[in-house]
């Protein structure tokens, strides 16, 4: 007999949905899980849920982005079938004071 355990999660998981200037596109911003709750599939579940939401709302596609050093989220996005797009190079000019 399998026992179910309910756990009250003290997490702040979120996926921020952002405005996209492209018609039919939903942009997902940050997906976050508190450090002590990571590596339990919560971020993957959040991403899956946001994709389900987008599909039910009639969006044609979902766009997201990652920092290049966030290998775990890149792996999640790869697993979910997101296609990598060309990267942008950001520049910063600092003025001497």
N, C-alpha and C. Protein backbone atom coordinates (compact mmCIF):
# COMPACT_ATOMS: atom_id res chain seq x y z
N UNK A 1 0.84 -1.18 0.00
CA UNK A 1 0.00 0.00 0.00
C UNK A 1 0.89 1.24 0.00
N UNK A 2 0.60 2.13 -0.93
CA UNK A 2 1.39 3.36 -1.03
C UNK A 2 0.78 4.44 -0.16
N UNK A 3 1.61 5.13 0.58
CA UNK A 3 1.14 6.18 1.46
C UNK A 3 1.40 7.53 0.82
N UNK A 4 0.45 8.43 0.94
CA UNK A 4 0.64 9.78 0.45
C UNK A 4 1.01 10.67 1.61
N UNK A 5 1.98 11.52 1.37
CA UNK A 5 2.41 12.47 2.38
C UNK A 5 2.16 13.87 1.86
N UNK A 6 1.50 14.66 2.65
CA UNK A 6 1.31 16.07 2.27
C UNK A 6 2.42 16.88 2.92
N UNK A 7 3.01 17.71 2.12
CA UNK A 7 4.08 18.57 2.60
C UNK A 7 3.68 20.01 2.35
N UNK A 8 3.73 20.81 3.38
CA UNK A 8 3.47 22.23 3.20
C UNK A 8 4.77 22.87 2.73
N UNK A 9 4.79 23.27 1.49
CA UNK A 9 6.00 23.85 0.93
C UNK A 9 6.15 25.30 1.34
N UNK A 10 7.30 25.62 1.83
CA UNK A 10 7.61 27.01 2.10
C UNK A 10 8.49 27.46 0.93
N UNK A 11 7.84 27.62 -0.19
CA UNK A 11 8.56 28.01 -1.40
C UNK A 11 7.93 29.27 -1.96
N UNK A 12 8.69 29.94 -2.75
CA UNK A 12 8.18 31.06 -3.50
C UNK A 12 8.39 30.76 -4.98
N UNK A 13 7.69 29.76 -5.47
CA UNK A 13 7.84 29.48 -6.88
C UNK A 13 7.04 30.50 -7.68
N UNK A 14 7.56 30.91 -8.79
CA UNK A 14 6.80 31.81 -9.64
C UNK A 14 7.34 31.75 -11.06
N UNK A 15 6.46 32.03 -11.95
CA UNK A 15 6.84 32.28 -13.34
C UNK A 15 6.14 33.57 -13.71
N UNK A 16 6.89 34.56 -14.05
CA UNK A 16 6.31 35.85 -14.40
C UNK A 16 5.98 35.87 -15.89
N UNK A 17 4.73 36.14 -16.19
CA UNK A 17 4.33 36.25 -17.59
C UNK A 17 4.44 37.70 -18.01
N UNK A 18 5.12 37.92 -19.11
CA UNK A 18 5.40 39.27 -19.58
C UNK A 18 4.68 39.58 -20.87
N UNK A 19 4.46 40.85 -21.10
CA UNK A 19 3.90 41.32 -22.36
C UNK A 19 4.90 41.05 -23.47
N UNK A 20 4.39 40.65 -24.61
CA UNK A 20 5.24 40.46 -25.78
C UNK A 20 4.69 41.33 -26.90
N UNK A 21 5.56 42.02 -27.62
CA UNK A 21 5.08 42.83 -28.76
C UNK A 21 4.70 41.97 -29.97
N UNK A 22 4.97 40.67 -29.90
CA UNK A 22 4.66 39.78 -31.00
C UNK A 22 3.27 39.19 -30.77
N UNK A 23 2.39 39.33 -31.75
CA UNK A 23 1.02 38.82 -31.62
C UNK A 23 1.04 37.31 -31.42
N UNK A 24 0.23 36.83 -30.47
CA UNK A 24 0.12 35.41 -30.22
C UNK A 24 1.25 34.80 -29.40
N UNK A 25 2.11 35.65 -28.86
CA UNK A 25 3.27 35.16 -28.10
C UNK A 25 3.17 35.57 -26.64
N UNK A 26 3.41 34.63 -25.77
CA UNK A 26 3.51 34.90 -24.34
C UNK A 26 4.97 34.78 -23.95
N UNK A 27 5.47 35.74 -23.24
CA UNK A 27 6.85 35.69 -22.76
C UNK A 27 6.83 35.29 -21.29
N UNK A 28 7.62 34.29 -20.93
CA UNK A 28 7.77 33.95 -19.52
C UNK A 28 9.08 34.54 -19.05
N UNK A 29 9.02 35.24 -17.96
CA UNK A 29 10.22 35.84 -17.40
C UNK A 29 10.91 34.87 -16.47
N UNK A 30 11.12 35.27 -15.26
CA UNK A 30 11.86 34.47 -14.29
C UNK A 30 11.01 33.34 -13.74
N UNK A 31 11.59 32.16 -13.69
CA UNK A 31 11.00 31.04 -12.97
C UNK A 31 11.91 30.80 -11.77
N UNK A 32 11.38 30.90 -10.57
CA UNK A 32 12.24 30.81 -9.40
C UNK A 32 11.72 29.88 -8.34
N UNK A 33 12.64 29.20 -7.69
CA UNK A 33 12.34 28.33 -6.56
C UNK A 33 13.41 28.59 -5.50
N UNK A 34 12.99 28.71 -4.25
CA UNK A 34 13.97 28.94 -3.19
C UNK A 34 15.01 27.83 -3.18
N UNK A 35 16.24 28.21 -2.89
CA UNK A 35 17.38 27.30 -2.98
C UNK A 35 17.16 25.95 -2.30
N UNK A 36 16.59 25.95 -1.09
CA UNK A 36 16.44 24.68 -0.36
C UNK A 36 15.41 23.75 -0.98
N UNK A 37 14.61 24.23 -1.92
CA UNK A 37 13.59 23.41 -2.57
C UNK A 37 13.97 23.05 -4.01
N UNK A 38 15.13 23.42 -4.43
CA UNK A 38 15.55 23.14 -5.81
C UNK A 38 15.88 21.66 -5.99
N UNK A 39 15.93 21.24 -7.25
CA UNK A 39 16.26 19.87 -7.64
C UNK A 39 15.19 18.87 -7.20
N UNK A 40 13.94 19.34 -7.17
CA UNK A 40 12.81 18.47 -6.81
C UNK A 40 11.74 18.47 -7.91
N UNK A 41 12.05 19.09 -9.04
CA UNK A 41 11.10 19.11 -10.14
C UNK A 41 10.09 20.25 -10.09
N UNK A 42 10.26 21.17 -9.14
CA UNK A 42 9.29 22.26 -8.99
C UNK A 42 9.38 23.23 -10.15
N UNK A 43 10.59 23.61 -10.55
CA UNK A 43 10.74 24.54 -11.68
C UNK A 43 10.18 23.93 -12.96
N UNK A 44 10.45 22.66 -13.17
CA UNK A 44 9.91 21.98 -14.35
C UNK A 44 8.38 22.01 -14.31
N UNK A 45 7.79 21.72 -13.16
CA UNK A 45 6.33 21.74 -13.03
C UNK A 45 5.77 23.14 -13.30
N UNK A 46 6.46 24.17 -12.83
CA UNK A 46 6.02 25.54 -13.09
C UNK A 46 6.05 25.87 -14.57
N UNK A 47 7.12 25.46 -15.23
CA UNK A 47 7.24 25.71 -16.67
C UNK A 47 6.15 24.96 -17.44
N UNK A 48 5.92 23.71 -17.07
CA UNK A 48 4.87 22.92 -17.72
C UNK A 48 3.52 23.60 -17.53
N UNK A 49 3.25 24.05 -16.32
CA UNK A 49 1.98 24.72 -16.02
C UNK A 49 1.84 26.00 -16.82
N UNK A 50 2.92 26.76 -16.97
CA UNK A 50 2.83 28.00 -17.75
C UNK A 50 2.58 27.70 -19.22
N UNK A 51 3.13 26.60 -19.73
CA UNK A 51 2.87 26.21 -21.12
C UNK A 51 1.42 25.77 -21.29
N UNK A 52 0.90 25.03 -20.31
CA UNK A 52 -0.51 24.63 -20.36
C UNK A 52 -1.42 25.87 -20.36
N UNK A 53 -1.09 26.82 -19.50
CA UNK A 53 -1.86 28.06 -19.43
C UNK A 53 -1.84 28.78 -20.78
N UNK A 54 -0.67 28.92 -21.37
CA UNK A 54 -0.53 29.62 -22.65
C UNK A 54 -1.37 28.95 -23.73
N UNK A 55 -1.31 27.63 -23.77
CA UNK A 55 -2.06 26.89 -24.78
C UNK A 55 -3.57 27.08 -24.58
N UNK A 56 -4.04 26.98 -23.34
CA UNK A 56 -5.46 27.15 -23.05
C UNK A 56 -5.95 28.56 -23.36
N UNK A 57 -5.06 29.54 -23.22
CA UNK A 57 -5.43 30.93 -23.49
C UNK A 57 -5.34 31.28 -24.97
N UNK A 58 -4.91 30.34 -25.79
CA UNK A 58 -4.87 30.57 -27.23
C UNK A 58 -3.59 31.17 -27.78
N UNK A 59 -2.54 31.22 -26.96
CA UNK A 59 -1.27 31.71 -27.47
C UNK A 59 -0.71 30.72 -28.48
N UNK A 60 0.02 31.24 -29.44
CA UNK A 60 0.61 30.40 -30.49
C UNK A 60 2.00 29.91 -30.13
N UNK A 61 2.67 30.65 -29.27
CA UNK A 61 4.04 30.28 -28.86
C UNK A 61 4.38 30.97 -27.53
N UNK A 62 5.41 30.44 -26.90
CA UNK A 62 5.91 31.00 -25.64
C UNK A 62 7.40 31.28 -25.83
N UNK A 63 7.83 32.44 -25.41
CA UNK A 63 9.24 32.82 -25.48
C UNK A 63 9.78 32.97 -24.06
N UNK A 64 11.04 32.61 -23.89
CA UNK A 64 11.70 32.76 -22.60
C UNK A 64 13.17 33.02 -22.85
N UNK A 65 13.91 33.34 -21.83
CA UNK A 65 15.35 33.54 -21.96
C UNK A 65 16.05 33.07 -20.69
N UNK A 66 17.35 32.85 -20.82
CA UNK A 66 18.15 32.36 -19.70
C UNK A 66 19.48 33.07 -19.64
N UNK A 67 20.01 33.15 -18.43
CA UNK A 67 21.42 33.52 -18.30
C UNK A 67 22.23 32.33 -18.81
N UNK A 68 23.35 32.60 -19.43
CA UNK A 68 24.14 31.52 -20.03
C UNK A 68 24.71 30.56 -19.00
N UNK A 69 24.82 30.98 -17.75
CA UNK A 69 25.40 30.09 -16.73
C UNK A 69 24.34 29.34 -15.93
N UNK A 70 23.07 29.48 -16.27
CA UNK A 70 22.00 28.78 -15.56
C UNK A 70 21.72 27.46 -16.29
N UNK A 71 22.63 26.52 -16.14
CA UNK A 71 22.58 25.27 -16.89
C UNK A 71 21.35 24.42 -16.57
N UNK A 72 20.88 24.48 -15.34
CA UNK A 72 19.71 23.67 -14.98
C UNK A 72 18.45 24.16 -15.69
N UNK A 73 18.26 25.49 -15.74
CA UNK A 73 17.07 26.00 -16.42
C UNK A 73 17.20 25.83 -17.93
N UNK A 74 18.40 25.95 -18.45
CA UNK A 74 18.60 25.70 -19.88
C UNK A 74 18.21 24.26 -20.20
N UNK A 75 18.59 23.33 -19.33
CA UNK A 75 18.24 21.91 -19.53
C UNK A 75 16.73 21.72 -19.49
N UNK A 76 16.05 22.42 -18.58
CA UNK A 76 14.59 22.32 -18.50
C UNK A 76 13.96 22.84 -19.79
N UNK A 77 14.42 24.00 -20.25
CA UNK A 77 13.86 24.57 -21.47
C UNK A 77 14.14 23.69 -22.68
N UNK A 78 15.33 23.10 -22.74
CA UNK A 78 15.65 22.15 -23.82
C UNK A 78 14.70 20.95 -23.75
N UNK A 79 14.52 20.43 -22.55
CA UNK A 79 13.65 19.26 -22.36
C UNK A 79 12.21 19.55 -22.80
N UNK A 80 11.76 20.78 -22.59
CA UNK A 80 10.39 21.15 -22.95
C UNK A 80 10.24 21.54 -24.42
N UNK A 81 11.33 21.51 -25.15
CA UNK A 81 11.25 21.75 -26.59
C UNK A 81 11.41 23.19 -27.04
N UNK A 82 11.87 24.06 -26.16
CA UNK A 82 12.15 25.43 -26.59
C UNK A 82 13.31 25.41 -27.58
N UNK A 83 13.20 26.19 -28.63
CA UNK A 83 14.27 26.27 -29.64
C UNK A 83 15.15 27.47 -29.32
N UNK A 84 16.45 27.25 -29.27
CA UNK A 84 17.38 28.34 -28.99
C UNK A 84 17.39 29.33 -30.16
N UNK A 85 17.44 30.60 -29.80
CA UNK A 85 17.47 31.69 -30.77
C UNK A 85 18.84 32.35 -30.72
N UNK A 86 19.17 33.14 -31.74
CA UNK A 86 20.46 33.85 -31.72
C UNK A 86 20.58 34.72 -30.47
N UNK A 87 21.76 34.76 -29.91
CA UNK A 87 22.02 35.53 -28.69
C UNK A 87 22.28 37.00 -29.02
N UNK A 88 22.04 37.83 -28.04
CA UNK A 88 22.36 39.24 -28.14
C UNK A 88 23.61 39.51 -27.31
N UNK A 89 24.40 40.44 -27.73
CA UNK A 89 25.54 40.90 -26.94
C UNK A 89 25.15 42.24 -26.34
N UNK A 90 25.23 42.33 -25.04
CA UNK A 90 24.88 43.57 -24.35
C UNK A 90 26.16 44.35 -24.07
N UNK A 91 26.10 45.64 -24.27
CA UNK A 91 27.25 46.51 -24.04
C UNK A 91 26.96 47.45 -22.89
N UNK A 92 28.01 47.89 -22.23
CA UNK A 92 27.89 48.84 -21.15
C UNK A 92 29.03 49.83 -21.24
N UNK A 93 28.72 51.09 -21.20
CA UNK A 93 29.73 52.15 -21.21
C UNK A 93 29.69 52.83 -19.85
N UNK A 94 30.80 52.80 -19.14
CA UNK A 94 30.89 53.45 -17.84
C UNK A 94 31.70 54.72 -17.99
N UNK A 95 31.16 55.81 -17.48
CA UNK A 95 31.86 57.10 -17.56
C UNK A 95 32.76 57.27 -16.35
N UNK A 96 33.88 57.86 -16.58
CA UNK A 96 34.78 58.19 -15.47
C UNK A 96 34.16 59.30 -14.65
N UNK A 97 34.37 59.23 -13.34
CA UNK A 97 33.79 60.29 -12.49
C UNK A 97 34.84 61.26 -12.04
